[in-house]
Structures are given as C-alpha cells and as structure tokens.
PDB file of all heavy atoms in Angstrom:
ATOM      1  N   ILE A   1      87.741 112.462  88.855  1.00  0.00           N
ATOM      2  CA  ILE A   1      89.074 111.898  88.983  1.00  0.00           C
ATOM      3  C   ILE A   1      89.108 110.952  90.179  1.00  0.00           C
ATOM      4  O   ILE A   1      88.710 111.315  91.288  1.00  0.00           O
ATOM      5  CB  ILE A   1      90.125 113.005  89.174  1.00  0.00           C
ATOM      6  CG1 ILE A   1      90.092 113.988  87.994  1.00  0.00           C
ATOM      7  CG2 ILE A   1      91.515 112.416  89.327  1.00  0.00           C
ATOM      8  CD1 ILE A   1      91.054 115.139  88.154  1.00  0.00           C
ATOM      9  N   VAL A   2      89.555 109.744  89.929  1.00  0.00           N
ATOM     10  CA  VAL A   2      89.798 108.792  91.004  1.00  0.00           C
ATOM     11  C   VAL A   2      91.305 108.757  91.209  1.00  0.00           C
ATOM     12  O   VAL A   2      92.044 108.302  90.339  1.00  0.00           O
ATOM     13  CB  VAL A   2      89.251 107.395  90.665  1.00  0.00           C
ATOM     14  CG1 VAL A   2      89.534 106.428  91.797  1.00  0.00           C
ATOM     15  CG2 VAL A   2      87.755 107.465  90.369  1.00  0.00           C
ATOM     16  N   TYR A   3      91.763 109.252  92.357  1.00  0.00           N
ATOM     17  CA  TYR A   3      93.205 109.394  92.508  1.00  0.00           C
ATOM     18  C   TYR A   3      93.652 109.066  93.924  1.00  0.00           C
ATOM     19  O   TYR A   3      92.874 109.082  94.874  1.00  0.00           O
ATOM     20  CB  TYR A   3      93.645 110.816  92.154  1.00  0.00           C
ATOM     21  CG  TYR A   3      93.166 111.875  93.118  1.00  0.00           C
ATOM     22  CD1 TYR A   3      93.924 112.240  94.220  1.00  0.00           C
ATOM     23  CD2 TYR A   3      91.958 112.531  92.917  1.00  0.00           C
ATOM     24  CE1 TYR A   3      93.501 113.201  95.100  1.00  0.00           C
ATOM     25  CE2 TYR A   3      91.519 113.509  93.793  1.00  0.00           C
ATOM     26  CZ  TYR A   3      92.300 113.846  94.881  1.00  0.00           C
ATOM     27  OH  TYR A   3      91.864 114.813  95.761  1.00  0.00           O
ATOM     28  N   SER A   4      94.948 108.785  94.033  1.00  0.00           N
ATOM     29  CA  SER A   4      95.598 108.581  95.320  1.00  0.00           C
ATOM     30  C   SER A   4      96.961 109.247  95.249  1.00  0.00           C
ATOM     31  O   SER A   4      97.851 108.772  94.528  1.00  0.00           O
ATOM     32  CB  SER A   4      95.740 107.091  95.637  1.00  0.00           C
ATOM     33  OG  SER A   4      96.595 106.904  96.755  1.00  0.00           O
ATOM     34  N   ILE A   5      97.107 110.350  95.955  1.00  0.00           N
ATOM     35  CA  ILE A   5      98.398 111.031  95.973  1.00  0.00           C
ATOM     36  C   ILE A   5      99.448 110.155  96.639  1.00  0.00           C
ATOM     37  O   ILE A   5     100.622 110.180  96.270  1.00  0.00           O
ATOM     38  CB  ILE A   5      98.279 112.391  96.702  1.00  0.00           C
ATOM     39  CG1 ILE A   5      97.199 113.260  96.033  1.00  0.00           C
ATOM     40  CG2 ILE A   5      99.604 113.128  96.685  1.00  0.00           C
ATOM     41  CD1 ILE A   5      97.485 113.599  94.599  1.00  0.00           C
ATOM     42  N   ALA A   6      99.039 109.341  97.612  1.00  0.00           N
ATOM     43  CA  ALA A   6      99.983 108.440  98.274  1.00  0.00           C
ATOM     44  C   ALA A   6     100.585 107.453  97.279  1.00  0.00           C
ATOM     45  O   ALA A   6     101.794 107.162  97.312  1.00  0.00           O
ATOM     46  CB  ALA A   6      99.283 107.689  99.403  1.00  0.00           C
ATOM     47  N   SER A   7      99.764 106.933  96.368  1.00  0.00           N
ATOM     48  CA  SER A   7     100.273 106.005  95.354  1.00  0.00           C
ATOM     49  C   SER A   7     101.224 106.703  94.394  1.00  0.00           C
ATOM     50  O   SER A   7     102.263 106.150  94.014  1.00  0.00           O
ATOM     51  CB  SER A   7      99.108 105.384  94.590  1.00  0.00           C
ATOM     52  OG  SER A   7      98.337 104.544  95.422  1.00  0.00           O
ATOM     53  N   LEU A   8     100.863 107.934  93.997  1.00  0.00           N
ATOM     54  CA  LEU A   8     101.736 108.675  93.090  1.00  0.00           C
ATOM     55  C   LEU A   8     103.082 108.960  93.751  1.00  0.00           C
ATOM     56  O   LEU A   8     104.142 108.838  93.121  1.00  0.00           O
ATOM     57  CB  LEU A   8     101.062 109.972  92.653  1.00  0.00           C
ATOM     58  CG  LEU A   8     101.842 110.788  91.625  1.00  0.00           C
ATOM     59  CD1 LEU A   8     101.790 110.113  90.261  1.00  0.00           C
ATOM     60  CD2 LEU A   8     101.309 112.206  91.522  1.00  0.00           C
ATOM     61  N   LYS A   9     103.052 109.337  95.028  1.00  0.00           N
ATOM     62  CA  LYS A   9     104.304 109.588  95.736  1.00  0.00           C
ATOM     63  C   LYS A   9     105.140 108.309  95.850  1.00  0.00           C
ATOM     64  O   LYS A   9     106.373 108.357  95.776  1.00  0.00           O
ATOM     65  CB  LYS A   9     104.022 110.156  97.127  1.00  0.00           C
ATOM     66  CG  LYS A   9     103.588 111.610  97.129  1.00  0.00           C
ATOM     67  CD  LYS A   9     103.874 112.275  98.455  1.00  0.00           C
ATOM     68  CE  LYS A   9     105.340 112.403  98.733  1.00  0.00           C
ATOM     69  NZ  LYS A   9     105.650 113.239  99.913  1.00  0.00           N
ATOM     70  N   ALA A  10     104.477 107.169  96.037  1.00  0.00           N
ATOM     71  CA  ALA A  10     105.209 105.900  96.088  1.00  0.00           C
ATOM     72  C   ALA A  10     105.923 105.641  94.771  1.00  0.00           C
ATOM     73  O   ALA A  10     107.088 105.199  94.750  1.00  0.00           O
ATOM     74  CB  ALA A  10     104.255 104.760  96.420  1.00  0.00           C
ATOM     75  N   CYS A  11     105.243 105.926  93.658  1.00  0.00           N
ATOM     76  CA  CYS A  11     105.862 105.736  92.336  1.00  0.00           C
ATOM     77  C   CYS A  11     107.055 106.669  92.154  1.00  0.00           C
ATOM     78  O   CYS A  11     108.107 106.259  91.636  1.00  0.00           O
ATOM     79  CB  CYS A  11     104.832 105.967  91.239  1.00  0.00           C
ATOM     80  SG  CYS A  11     103.570 104.688  91.113  1.00  0.00           S
ATOM     81  N   TYR A  12     106.891 107.935  92.562  1.00  0.00           N
ATOM     82  CA  TYR A  12     107.992 108.891  92.429  1.00  0.00           C
ATOM     83  C   TYR A  12     109.198 108.453  93.264  1.00  0.00           C
ATOM     84  O   TYR A  12     110.346 108.535  92.813  1.00  0.00           O
ATOM     85  CB  TYR A  12     107.532 110.292  92.847  1.00  0.00           C
ATOM     86  CG  TYR A  12     107.092 111.153  91.690  1.00  0.00           C
ATOM     87  CD1 TYR A  12     105.784 111.126  91.229  1.00  0.00           C
ATOM     88  CD2 TYR A  12     107.996 111.995  91.045  1.00  0.00           C
ATOM     89  CE1 TYR A  12     105.376 111.910  90.166  1.00  0.00           C
ATOM     90  CE2 TYR A  12     107.606 112.799  89.991  1.00  0.00           C
ATOM     91  CZ  TYR A  12     106.287 112.753  89.548  1.00  0.00           C
ATOM     92  OH  TYR A  12     105.904 113.533  88.482  1.00  0.00           O
ATOM     93  N   PHE A  13     108.939 108.003  94.493  1.00  0.00           N
ATOM     94  CA  PHE A  13     110.046 107.582  95.347  1.00  0.00           C
ATOM     95  C   PHE A  13     110.730 106.332  94.781  1.00  0.00           C
ATOM     96  O   PHE A  13     111.961 106.251  94.757  1.00  0.00           O
ATOM     97  CB  PHE A  13     109.550 107.300  96.768  1.00  0.00           C
ATOM     98  CG  PHE A  13     110.626 106.768  97.670  1.00  0.00           C
ATOM     99  CD1 PHE A  13     111.522 107.632  98.270  1.00  0.00           C
ATOM    100  CD2 PHE A  13     110.758 105.403  97.900  1.00  0.00           C
ATOM    101  CE1 PHE A  13     112.537 107.145  99.093  1.00  0.00           C
ATOM    102  CE2 PHE A  13     111.761 104.908  98.713  1.00  0.00           C
ATOM    103  CZ  PHE A  13     112.648 105.788  99.314  1.00  0.00           C
ATOM    104  N   ASN A  14     109.930 105.353  94.338  1.00  0.00           N
ATOM    105  CA  ASN A  14     110.506 104.125  93.801  1.00  0.00           C
ATOM    106  C   ASN A  14     111.363 104.406  92.574  1.00  0.00           C
ATOM    107  O   ASN A  14     112.455 103.836  92.421  1.00  0.00           O
ATOM    108  CB  ASN A  14     109.403 103.131  93.442  1.00  0.00           C
ATOM    109  CG  ASN A  14     108.673 102.608  94.673  1.00  0.00           C
ATOM    110  OD1 ASN A  14     109.204 102.665  95.783  1.00  0.00           O
ATOM    111  ND2 ASN A  14     107.459 102.131  94.489  1.00  0.00           N
ATOM    112  N   GLU A  15     110.878 105.277  91.699  1.00  0.00           N
ATOM    113  CA  GLU A  15     111.656 105.604  90.505  1.00  0.00           C
ATOM    114  C   GLU A  15     112.940 106.342  90.887  1.00  0.00           C
ATOM    115  O   GLU A  15     114.012 106.093  90.299  1.00  0.00           O
ATOM    116  CB  GLU A  15     110.807 106.452  89.554  1.00  0.00           C
ATOM    117  CG  GLU A  15     111.445 106.659  88.195  1.00  0.00           C
ATOM    118  CD  GLU A  15     110.455 107.153  87.157  1.00  0.00           C
ATOM    119  OE1 GLU A  15     109.314 107.477  87.516  1.00  0.00           O
ATOM    120  OE2 GLU A  15     110.831 107.210  85.967  1.00  0.00           O
ATOM    121  N   HIS A  16     112.832 107.249  91.853  1.00  0.00           N
ATOM    122  CA  HIS A  16     114.030 107.950  92.316  1.00  0.00           C
ATOM    123  C   HIS A  16     115.042 106.969  92.916  1.00  0.00           C
ATOM    124  O   HIS A  16     116.251 107.061  92.648  1.00  0.00           O
ATOM    125  CB  HIS A  16     113.618 108.991  93.368  1.00  0.00           C
ATOM    126  CG  HIS A  16     114.757 109.657  94.060  1.00  0.00           C
ATOM    127  ND1 HIS A  16     115.536 110.629  93.465  1.00  0.00           N
ATOM    128  CD2 HIS A  16     115.273 109.485  95.305  1.00  0.00           C
ATOM    129  CE1 HIS A  16     116.465 111.037  94.299  1.00  0.00           C
ATOM    130  NE2 HIS A  16     116.334 110.363  95.432  1.00  0.00           N
ATOM    131  N   TYR A  17     114.539 106.030  93.688  1.00  0.00           N
ATOM    132  CA  TYR A  17     115.414 105.047  94.337  1.00  0.00           C
ATOM    133  C   TYR A  17     116.074 104.130  93.297  1.00  0.00           C
ATOM    134  O   TYR A  17     117.261 103.781  93.415  1.00  0.00           O
ATOM    135  CB  TYR A  17     114.608 104.233  95.341  1.00  0.00           C
ATOM    136  CG  TYR A  17     115.442 103.477  96.337  1.00  0.00           C
ATOM    137  CD1 TYR A  17     116.593 104.022  96.873  1.00  0.00           C
ATOM    138  CD2 TYR A  17     115.056 102.202  96.751  1.00  0.00           C
ATOM    139  CE1 TYR A  17     117.359 103.322  97.796  1.00  0.00           C
ATOM    140  CE2 TYR A  17     115.802 101.495  97.677  1.00  0.00           C
ATOM    141  CZ  TYR A  17     116.962 102.071  98.195  1.00  0.00           C
ATOM    142  OH  TYR A  17     117.711 101.370  99.110  1.00  0.00           O
ATOM    143  N   LEU A  18     115.322 103.745  92.262  1.00  0.00           N
ATOM    144  CA  LEU A  18     115.901 102.931  91.194  1.00  0.00           C
ATOM    145  C   LEU A  18     117.007 103.674  90.464  1.00  0.00           C
ATOM    146  O   LEU A  18     118.033 103.090  90.077  1.00  0.00           O
ATOM    147  CB  LEU A  18     114.809 102.502  90.216  1.00  0.00           C
ATOM    148  CG  LEU A  18     113.831 101.432  90.715  1.00  0.00           C
ATOM    149  CD1 LEU A  18     112.664 101.280  89.748  1.00  0.00           C
ATOM    150  CD2 LEU A  18     114.550 100.097  90.895  1.00  0.00           C
ATOM    151  N   GLN A  19     116.821 104.978  90.289  1.00  0.00           N
ATOM    152  CA  GLN A  19     117.858 105.777  89.631  1.00  0.00           C
ATOM    153  C   GLN A  19     119.115 105.859  90.498  1.00  0.00           C
ATOM    154  O   GLN A  19     120.237 105.822  89.982  1.00  0.00           O
ATOM    155  CB  GLN A  19     117.324 107.174  89.340  1.00  0.00           C
ATOM    156  CG  GLN A  19     116.266 107.217  88.248  1.00  0.00           C
ATOM    157  CD  GLN A  19     115.672 108.604  88.073  1.00  0.00           C
ATOM    158  OE1 GLN A  19     116.004 109.536  88.805  1.00  0.00           O
ATOM    159  NE2 GLN A  19     114.773 108.748  87.110  1.00  0.00           N
ATOM    160  N   ILE A  20     118.915 105.992  91.813  1.00  0.00           N
ATOM    161  CA  ILE A  20     120.067 106.036  92.714  1.00  0.00           C
ATOM    162  C   ILE A  20     120.827 104.705  92.658  1.00  0.00           C
ATOM    163  O   ILE A  20     122.068 104.669  92.575  1.00  0.00           O
ATOM    164  CB  ILE A  20     119.618 106.319  94.161  1.00  0.00           C
ATOM    165  CG1 ILE A  20     118.986 107.712  94.263  1.00  0.00           C
ATOM    166  CG2 ILE A  20     120.787 106.193  95.139  1.00  0.00           C
ATOM    167  CD1 ILE A  20     119.943 108.844  93.965  1.00  0.00           C
ATOM    168  N   ILE A  21     120.097 103.592  92.683  1.00  0.00           N
ATOM    169  CA  ILE A  21     120.738 102.270  92.629  1.00  0.00           C
ATOM    170  C   ILE A  21     121.495 102.082  91.325  1.00  0.00           C
ATOM    171  O   ILE A  21     122.647 101.611  91.300  1.00  0.00           O
ATOM    172  CB  ILE A  21     119.664 101.168  92.802  1.00  0.00           C
ATOM    173  CG1 ILE A  21     119.090 101.208  94.215  1.00  0.00           C
ATOM    174  CG2 ILE A  21     120.257  99.794  92.502  1.00  0.00           C
ATOM    175  CD1 ILE A  21     117.943 100.239  94.430  1.00  0.00           C
ATOM    176  N   SER A  22     120.879 102.445  90.200  1.00  0.00           N
ATOM    177  CA  SER A  22     121.532 102.262  88.901  1.00  0.00           C
ATOM    178  C   SER A  22     122.782 103.131  88.771  1.00  0.00           C
ATOM    179  O   SER A  22     123.791 102.690  88.211  1.00  0.00           O
ATOM    180  CB  SER A  22     120.548 102.596  87.773  1.00  0.00           C
ATOM    181  OG  SER A  22     120.182 103.967  87.813  1.00  0.00           O
ATOM    182  N   SER A  23     122.735 104.357  89.309  1.00  0.00           N
ATOM    183  CA  SER A  23     123.908 105.234  89.208  1.00  0.00           C
ATOM    184  C   SER A  23     125.046 104.738  90.095  1.00  0.00           C
ATOM    185  O   SER A  23     126.231 104.820  89.721  1.00  0.00           O
ATOM    186  CB  SER A  23     123.531 106.664  89.591  1.00  0.00           C
ATOM    187  OG  SER A  23     123.116 106.735  90.944  1.00  0.00           O
ATOM    188  N   GLN A  24     124.709 104.210  91.282  1.00  0.00           N
ATOM    189  CA  GLN A  24     125.749 103.724  92.190  1.00  0.00           C
ATOM    190  C   GLN A  24     126.377 102.425  91.692  1.00  0.00           C
ATOM    191  O   GLN A  24     127.567 102.179  91.912  1.00  0.00           O
ATOM    192  CB  GLN A  24     125.158 103.513  93.589  1.00  0.00           C
ATOM    193  CG  GLN A  24     124.726 104.796  94.283  1.00  0.00           C
ATOM    194  CD  GLN A  24     125.908 105.715  94.549  1.00  0.00           C
ATOM    195  OE1 GLN A  24     126.976 105.279  94.989  1.00  0.00           O
ATOM    196  NE2 GLN A  24     125.729 106.995  94.268  1.00  0.00           N
ATOM    197  N   LEU A  25     125.583 101.588  91.012  1.00  0.00           N
ATOM    198  CA  LEU A  25     126.094 100.299  90.534  1.00  0.00           C
ATOM    199  C   LEU A  25     126.531 100.348  89.076  1.00  0.00           C
ATOM    200  O   LEU A  25     126.981  99.331  88.532  1.00  0.00           O
ATOM    201  CB  LEU A  25     125.027  99.216  90.713  1.00  0.00           C
ATOM    202  CG  LEU A  25     124.571  98.954  92.143  1.00  0.00           C
ATOM    203  CD1 LEU A  25     123.502  97.860  92.175  1.00  0.00           C
ATOM    204  CD2 LEU A  25     125.759  98.552  93.020  1.00  0.00           C
ATOM    205  N   GLY A  26     126.380 101.521  88.450  1.00  0.00           N
ATOM    206  CA  GLY A  26     126.796 101.649  87.059  1.00  0.00           C
ATOM    207  C   GLY A  26     125.911 100.882  86.103  1.00  0.00           C
ATOM    208  O   GLY A  26     126.393 100.369  85.076  1.00  0.00           O
ATOM    209  N   LEU A  27     124.643 100.785  86.398  1.00  0.00           N
ATOM    210  CA  LEU A  27     123.703 100.058  85.546  1.00  0.00           C
ATOM    211  C   LEU A  27     122.963 101.020  84.632  1.00  0.00           C
ATOM    212  O   LEU A  27     122.719 102.183  84.984  1.00  0.00           O
ATOM    213  CB  LEU A  27     122.691  99.286  86.416  1.00  0.00           C
ATOM    214  CG  LEU A  27     123.269  98.297  87.428  1.00  0.00           C
ATOM    215  CD1 LEU A  27     122.159  97.681  88.261  1.00  0.00           C
ATOM    216  CD2 LEU A  27     124.066  97.211  86.711  1.00  0.00           C
ATOM    217  N   ASP A  28     122.583 100.530  83.475  1.00  0.00           N
ATOM    218  CA  ASP A  28     121.788 101.307  82.523  1.00  0.00           C
ATOM    219  C   ASP A  28     120.389 100.686  82.445  1.00  0.00           C
ATOM    220  O   ASP A  28     120.219  99.603  81.885  1.00  0.00           O
ATOM    221  CB  ASP A  28     122.457 101.315  81.149  1.00  0.00           C
ATOM    222  CG  ASP A  28     121.692 102.185  80.149  1.00  0.00           C
ATOM    223  OD1 ASP A  28     120.763 102.909  80.587  1.00  0.00           O
ATOM    224  OD2 ASP A  28     122.013 102.133  78.942  1.00  0.00           O
ATOM    225  N   LEU A  29     119.423 101.387  83.041  1.00  0.00           N
ATOM    226  CA  LEU A  29     118.059 100.855  83.095  1.00  0.00           C
ATOM    227  C   LEU A  29     117.176 101.374  81.965  1.00  0.00           C
ATOM    228  O   LEU A  29     115.995 101.046  81.908  1.00  0.00           O
ATOM    229  CB  LEU A  29     117.417 101.221  84.447  1.00  0.00           C
ATOM    230  CG  LEU A  29     118.135 100.728  85.704  1.00  0.00           C
ATOM    231  CD1 LEU A  29     117.353 101.151  86.944  1.00  0.00           C
ATOM    232  CD2 LEU A  29     118.313  99.221  85.669  1.00  0.00           C
ATOM    233  N   SER A  30     117.729 102.179  81.071  1.00  0.00           N
ATOM    234  CA  SER A  30     116.900 102.794  80.024  1.00  0.00           C
ATOM    235  C   SER A  30     116.288 101.757  79.095  1.00  0.00           C
ATOM    236  O   SER A  30     115.201 101.967  78.553  1.00  0.00           O
ATOM    237  CB  SER A  30     117.746 103.783  79.214  1.00  0.00           C
ATOM    238  OG  SER A  30     118.868 103.136  78.632  1.00  0.00           O
ATOM    239  N   SER A  31     116.952 100.628  78.913  1.00  0.00           N
ATOM    240  CA  SER A  31     116.440  99.626  77.967  1.00  0.00           C
ATOM    241  C   SER A  31     115.335  98.752  78.574  1.00  0.00           C
ATOM    242  O   SER A  31     114.681  98.005  77.843  1.00  0.00           O
ATOM    243  CB  SER A  31     117.590  98.727  77.499  1.00  0.00           C
ATOM    244  OG  SER A  31     118.182  98.061  78.607  1.00  0.00           O
ATOM    245  N   ILE A  32     115.150  98.834  79.891  1.00  0.00           N
ATOM    246  CA  ILE A  32     114.136  97.956  80.514  1.00  0.00           C
ATOM    247  C   ILE A  32     113.023  98.750  81.194  1.00  0.00           C
ATOM    248  O   ILE A  32     112.223  98.187  81.949  1.00  0.00           O
ATOM    249  CB  ILE A  32     114.799  97.022  81.562  1.00  0.00           C
ATOM    250  CG1 ILE A  32     115.417  97.854  82.683  1.00  0.00           C
ATOM    251  CG2 ILE A  32     115.822  96.117  80.912  1.00  0.00           C
ATOM    252  CD1 ILE A  32     115.878  97.016  83.870  1.00  0.00           C
ATOM    253  N   LYS A  33     112.940 100.047  80.909  1.00  0.00           N
ATOM    254  CA  LYS A  33     111.943 100.876  81.600  1.00  0.00           C
ATOM    255  C   LYS A  33     110.517 100.515  81.210  1.00  0.00           C
ATOM    256  O   LYS A  33     109.570 100.829  81.945  1.00  0.00           O
ATOM    257  CB  LYS A  33     112.204 102.359  81.338  1.00  0.00           C
ATOM    258  CG  LYS A  33     113.356 102.902  82.167  1.00  0.00           C
ATOM    259  CD  LYS A  33     113.435 104.410  82.095  1.00  0.00           C
ATOM    260  CE  LYS A  33     114.503 104.936  83.054  1.00  0.00           C
ATOM    261  NZ  LYS A  33     114.569 106.407  83.056  1.00  0.00           N
ATOM    262  N   ASN A  34     110.347  99.903  80.075  1.00  0.00           N
ATOM    263  CA  ASN A  34     109.004  99.493  79.648  1.00  0.00           C
ATOM    264  C   ASN A  34     108.710  98.030  79.970  1.00  0.00           C
ATOM    265  O   ASN A  34     107.665  97.513  79.576  1.00  0.00           O
ATOM    266  CB  ASN A  34     108.832  99.725  78.146  1.00  0.00           C
ATOM    267  CG  ASN A  34     108.821 101.200  77.798  1.00  0.00           C
ATOM    268  OD1 ASN A  34     108.323 102.009  78.574  1.00  0.00           O
ATOM    269  ND2 ASN A  34     109.354 101.550  76.633  1.00  0.00           N
ATOM    270  N   SER A  35     109.615  97.390  80.658  1.00  0.00           N
ATOM    271  CA  SER A  35     109.430  95.970  80.964  1.00  0.00           C
ATOM    272  C   SER A  35     108.516  95.799  82.178  1.00  0.00           C
ATOM    273  O   SER A  35     108.350  96.701  83.003  1.00  0.00           O
ATOM    274  CB  SER A  35     110.782  95.303  81.242  1.00  0.00           C
ATOM    275  OG  SER A  35     111.368  95.856  82.402  1.00  0.00           O
TER     276      SER A  35
END
C-alpha cells in the first residue's frame, strides 16, 4: 500500500468544509460532486 494519511485527512476536512459552506449558503452540491 502506498498511502498518505495526511492527504486522506485533507480530503476529509475539505469535504466537511464544503458541506458546511453549502449548508450555510443554502447550496445543493449533490449534482456537482462528480465534477
């Protein structure tokens, strides 16, 4: 396994932060998650 826990944590934090932004601004990001 070639891995970086730091990178995985960055992804988790970024996704969490995007969810916080979308909920506060009333945005629906479900349609662009694969973009």
